[in-house]
PDB file of N, CA and C in Angstrom:
ATOM      1  N   MET A   1     107.630  96.258  88.595  1.00  0.00           N
ATOM      2  CA  MET A   1     106.475  97.016  88.150  1.00  0.00           C
ATOM      3  C   MET A   1     105.730  96.191  87.099  1.00  0.00           C
ATOM      4  N   THR A   2     104.443  96.416  87.042  1.00  0.00           N
ATOM      5  CA  THR A   2     103.639  95.714  86.050  1.00  0.00           C
ATOM      6  C   THR A   2     103.317  96.643  84.894  1.00  0.00           C
ATOM      7  N   ASP A   3     102.825  96.064  83.810  1.00  0.00           N
ATOM      8  CA  ASP A   3     102.497  96.855  82.625  1.00  0.00           C
ATOM      9  C   ASP A   3     101.001  97.137  82.504  1.00  0.00           C
ATOM     10  N   GLU A   4     100.230  96.909  83.555  1.00  0.00           N
ATOM     11  CA  GLU A   4      98.785  97.066  83.456  1.00  0.00           C
ATOM     12  C   GLU A   4      98.373  98.536  83.480  1.00  0.00           C
ATOM     13  N   ALA A   5      97.761  98.992  82.404  1.00  0.00           N
ATOM     14  CA  ALA A   5      97.188 100.342  82.303  1.00  0.00           C
ATOM     15  C   ALA A   5      98.124 101.450  82.778  1.00  0.00           C
ATOM     16  N   VAL A   6      99.322 101.476  82.234  1.00  0.00           N
ATOM     17  CA  VAL A   6     100.293 102.500  82.608  1.00  0.00           C
ATOM     18  C   VAL A   6     100.280 103.598  81.550  1.00  0.00           C
ATOM     19  N   SER A   7     100.117 104.841  81.993  1.00  0.00           N
ATOM     20  CA  SER A   7     100.097 105.961  81.059  1.00  0.00           C
ATOM     21  C   SER A   7     101.488 106.162  80.461  1.00  0.00           C
ATOM     22  N   PRO A   8     101.580 106.828  79.322  1.00  0.00           N
ATOM     23  CA  PRO A   8     102.892 107.088  78.720  1.00  0.00           C
ATOM     24  C   PRO A   8     103.832 107.847  79.670  1.00  0.00           C
ATOM     25  N   LEU A   9     103.280 108.779  80.437  1.00  0.00           N
ATOM     26  CA  LEU A   9     104.100 109.534  81.379  1.00  0.00           C
ATOM     27  C   LEU A   9     104.662 108.632  82.480  1.00  0.00           C
ATOM     28  N   HIS A  10     103.824 107.767  83.027  1.00  0.00           N
ATOM     29  CA  HIS A  10     104.308 106.855  84.064  1.00  0.00           C
ATOM     30  C   HIS A  10     105.290 105.835  83.488  1.00  0.00           C
ATOM     31  N   ARG A  11     105.025 105.382  82.262  1.00  0.00           N
ATOM     32  CA  ARG A  11     105.963 104.444  81.620  1.00  0.00           C
ATOM     33  C   ARG A  11     107.339 105.107  81.488  1.00  0.00           C
ATOM     34  N   ARG A  12     107.360 106.372  81.076  1.00  0.00           N
ATOM     35  CA  ARG A  12     108.609 107.112  80.941  1.00  0.00           C
ATOM     36  C   ARG A  12     109.301 107.260  82.297  1.00  0.00           C
ATOM     37  N   MET A  13     108.507 107.551  83.332  1.00  0.00           N
ATOM     38  CA  MET A  13     109.035 107.690  84.685  1.00  0.00           C
ATOM     39  C   MET A  13     109.699 106.381  85.136  1.00  0.00           C
ATOM     40  N   ILE A  14     109.037 105.268  84.877  1.00  0.00           N
ATOM     41  CA  ILE A  14     109.575 103.960  85.249  1.00  0.00           C
ATOM     42  C   ILE A  14     110.859 103.673  84.476  1.00  0.00           C
ATOM     43  N   GLU A  15     110.862 103.955  83.176  1.00  0.00           N
ATOM     44  CA  GLU A  15     112.052 103.739  82.354  1.00  0.00           C
ATOM     45  C   GLU A  15     113.223 104.583  82.861  1.00  0.00           C
ATOM     46  N   ASP A  16     112.953 105.839  83.178  1.00  0.00           N
ATOM     47  CA  ASP A  16     114.010 106.726  83.687  1.00  0.00           C
ATOM     48  C   ASP A  16     114.569 106.222  85.008  1.00  0.00           C
ATOM     49  N   MET A  17     113.699 105.767  85.896  1.00  0.00           N
ATOM     50  CA  MET A  17     114.177 105.258  87.186  1.00  0.00           C
ATOM     51  C   MET A  17     114.982 103.976  87.009  1.00  0.00           C
ATOM     52  N   THR A  18     114.574 103.148  86.043  1.00  0.00           N
ATOM     53  CA  THR A  18     115.310 101.915  85.775  1.00  0.00           C
ATOM     54  C   THR A  18     116.704 102.231  85.238  1.00  0.00           C
ATOM     55  N   ILE A  19     116.786 103.172  84.310  1.00  0.00           N
ATOM     56  CA  ILE A  19     118.076 103.574  83.749  1.00  0.00           C
ATOM     57  C   ILE A  19     118.997 104.108  84.847  1.00  0.00           C
ATOM     58  N   ARG A  20     118.421 104.836  85.801  1.00  0.00           N
ATOM     59  CA  ARG A  20     119.211 105.422  86.896  1.00  0.00           C
ATOM     60  C   ARG A  20     119.451 104.437  88.031  1.00  0.00           C
ATOM     61  N   LYS A  21     119.014 103.179  87.824  1.00  0.00           N
ATOM     62  CA  LYS A  21     119.229 102.083  88.762  1.00  0.00           C
ATOM     63  C   LYS A  21     118.562 102.300  90.123  1.00  0.00           C
ATOM     64  N   PHE A  22     117.362 102.888  90.108  1.00  0.00           N
ATOM     65  CA  PHE A  22     116.582 102.991  91.339  1.00  0.00           C
ATOM     66  C   PHE A  22     116.144 101.571  91.720  1.00  0.00           C
ATOM     67  N   ALA A  23     116.140 101.290  92.994  1.00  0.00           N
ATOM     68  CA  ALA A  23     115.693  99.983  93.476  1.00  0.00           C
ATOM     69  C   ALA A  23     114.207  99.810  93.159  1.00  0.00           C
ATOM     70  N   PRO A  24     113.766  98.568  92.919  1.00  0.00           N
ATOM     71  CA  PRO A  24     112.355  98.327  92.615  1.00  0.00           C
ATOM     72  C   PRO A  24     111.413  98.901  93.680  1.00  0.00           C
ATOM     73  N   LYS A  25     111.783  98.806  94.936  1.00  0.00           N
ATOM     74  CA  LYS A  25     110.934  99.331  96.008  1.00  0.00           C
ATOM     75  C   LYS A  25     110.823 100.856  95.895  1.00  0.00           C
ATOM     76  N   THR A  26     111.915 101.524  95.571  1.00  0.00           N
ATOM     77  CA  THR A  26     111.902 102.975  95.393  1.00  0.00           C
ATOM     78  C   THR A  26     111.013 103.344  94.214  1.00  0.00           C
ATOM     79  N   GLN A  27     111.132 102.595  93.113  1.00  0.00           N
ATOM     80  CA  GLN A  27     110.294 102.841  91.939  1.00  0.00           C
ATOM     81  C   GLN A  27     108.824 102.722  92.308  1.00  0.00           C
ATOM     82  N   HIS A  28     108.500 101.695  93.070  1.00  0.00           N
ATOM     83  CA  HIS A  28     107.113 101.485  93.467  1.00  0.00           C
ATOM     84  C   HIS A  28     106.597 102.662  94.288  1.00  0.00           C
ATOM     85  N   HIS A  29     107.386 103.136  95.240  1.00  0.00           N
ATOM     86  CA  HIS A  29     106.967 104.254  96.081  1.00  0.00           C
ATOM     87  C   HIS A  29     106.820 105.537  95.269  1.00  0.00           C
ATOM     88  N   TYR A  30     107.773 105.818  94.397  1.00  0.00           N
ATOM     89  CA  TYR A  30     107.687 107.025  93.570  1.00  0.00           C
ATOM     90  C   TYR A  30     106.456 106.959  92.664  1.00  0.00           C
ATOM     91  N   TYR A  31     106.211 105.779  92.098  1.00  0.00           N
ATOM     92  CA  TYR A  31     105.057 105.601  91.222  1.00  0.00           C
ATOM     93  C   TYR A  31     103.761 105.810  92.008  1.00  0.00           C
ATOM     94  N   ALA A  32     103.693 105.244  93.207  1.00  0.00           N
ATOM     95  CA  ALA A  32     102.496 105.381  94.046  1.00  0.00           C
ATOM     96  C   ALA A  32     102.257 106.845  94.412  1.00  0.00           C
ATOM     97  N   ILE A  33     103.310 107.562  94.749  1.00  0.00           N
ATOM     98  CA  ILE A  33     103.183 108.983  95.095  1.00  0.00           C
ATOM     99  C   ILE A  33     102.709 109.771  93.869  1.00  0.00           C
ATOM    100  N   GLY A  34     103.288 109.501  92.720  1.00  0.00           N
ATOM    101  CA  GLY A  34     102.891 110.181  91.490  1.00  0.00           C
ATOM    102  C   GLY A  34     101.445 109.889  91.138  1.00  0.00           C
ATOM    103  N   SER A  35     101.018 108.655  91.311  1.00  0.00           N
ATOM    104  CA  SER A  35      99.637 108.283  91.012  1.00  0.00           C
ATOM    105  C   SER A  35      98.663 108.983  91.940  1.00  0.00           C
ATOM    106  N   SER A  36      99.004 109.051  93.214  1.00  0.00           N
ATOM    107  CA  SER A  36      98.088 109.702  94.160  1.00  0.00           C
ATOM    108  C   SER A  36      98.034 111.204  93.900  1.00  0.00           C
ATOM    109  N   ASP A  37      99.138 111.804  93.476  1.00  0.00           N
ATOM    110  CA  ASP A  37      99.136 113.228  93.136  1.00  0.00           C
ATOM    111  C   ASP A  37      98.219 113.498  91.945  1.00  0.00           C
ATOM    112  N   VAL A  38      98.269 112.657  90.956  1.00  0.00           N
ATOM    113  CA  VAL A  38      97.446 112.829  89.761  1.00  0.00           C
ATOM    114  C   VAL A  38      95.974 112.650  90.117  1.00  0.00           C
ATOM    115  N   ARG A  39      95.677 111.606  90.872  1.00  0.00           N
ATOM    116  CA  ARG A  39      94.277 111.366  91.257  1.00  0.00           C
ATOM    117  C   ARG A  39      93.754 112.510  92.119  1.00  0.00           C
ATOM    118  N   GLY A  40      94.598 113.045  92.977  1.00  0.00           N
ATOM    119  CA  GLY A  40      94.179 114.137  93.853  1.00  0.00           C
ATOM    120  C   GLY A  40      93.890 115.419  93.084  1.00  0.00           C
ATOM    121  N   SER A  41      94.602 115.640  92.002  1.00  0.00           N
ATOM    122  CA  SER A  41      94.419 116.881  91.243  1.00  0.00           C
ATOM    123  C   SER A  41      93.231 116.797  90.281  1.00  0.00           C
ATOM    124  N   ILE A  42      92.777 115.586  89.995  1.00  0.00           N
ATOM    125  CA  ILE A  42      91.661 115.422  89.068  1.00  0.00           C
ATOM    126  C   ILE A  42      90.332 115.656  89.781  1.00  0.00           C
ATOM    127  N   GLY A  43      90.184 115.128  90.973  1.00  0.00           N
ATOM    128  CA  GLY A  43      88.885 115.171  91.618  1.00  0.00           C
ATOM    129  C   GLY A  43      88.834 116.066  92.733  1.00  0.00           C
TER     130      GLY A  43
END
């Protein structure tokens, strides 16, 4: 994961997944799903 423009909530989500030893690919998918959910609820 990169550190570019990550909200505190997403940073926490990434940290939690890392602690729980989620695979990087799983982290990426969960992050992408979370991002699309947030964008969908805003507009």
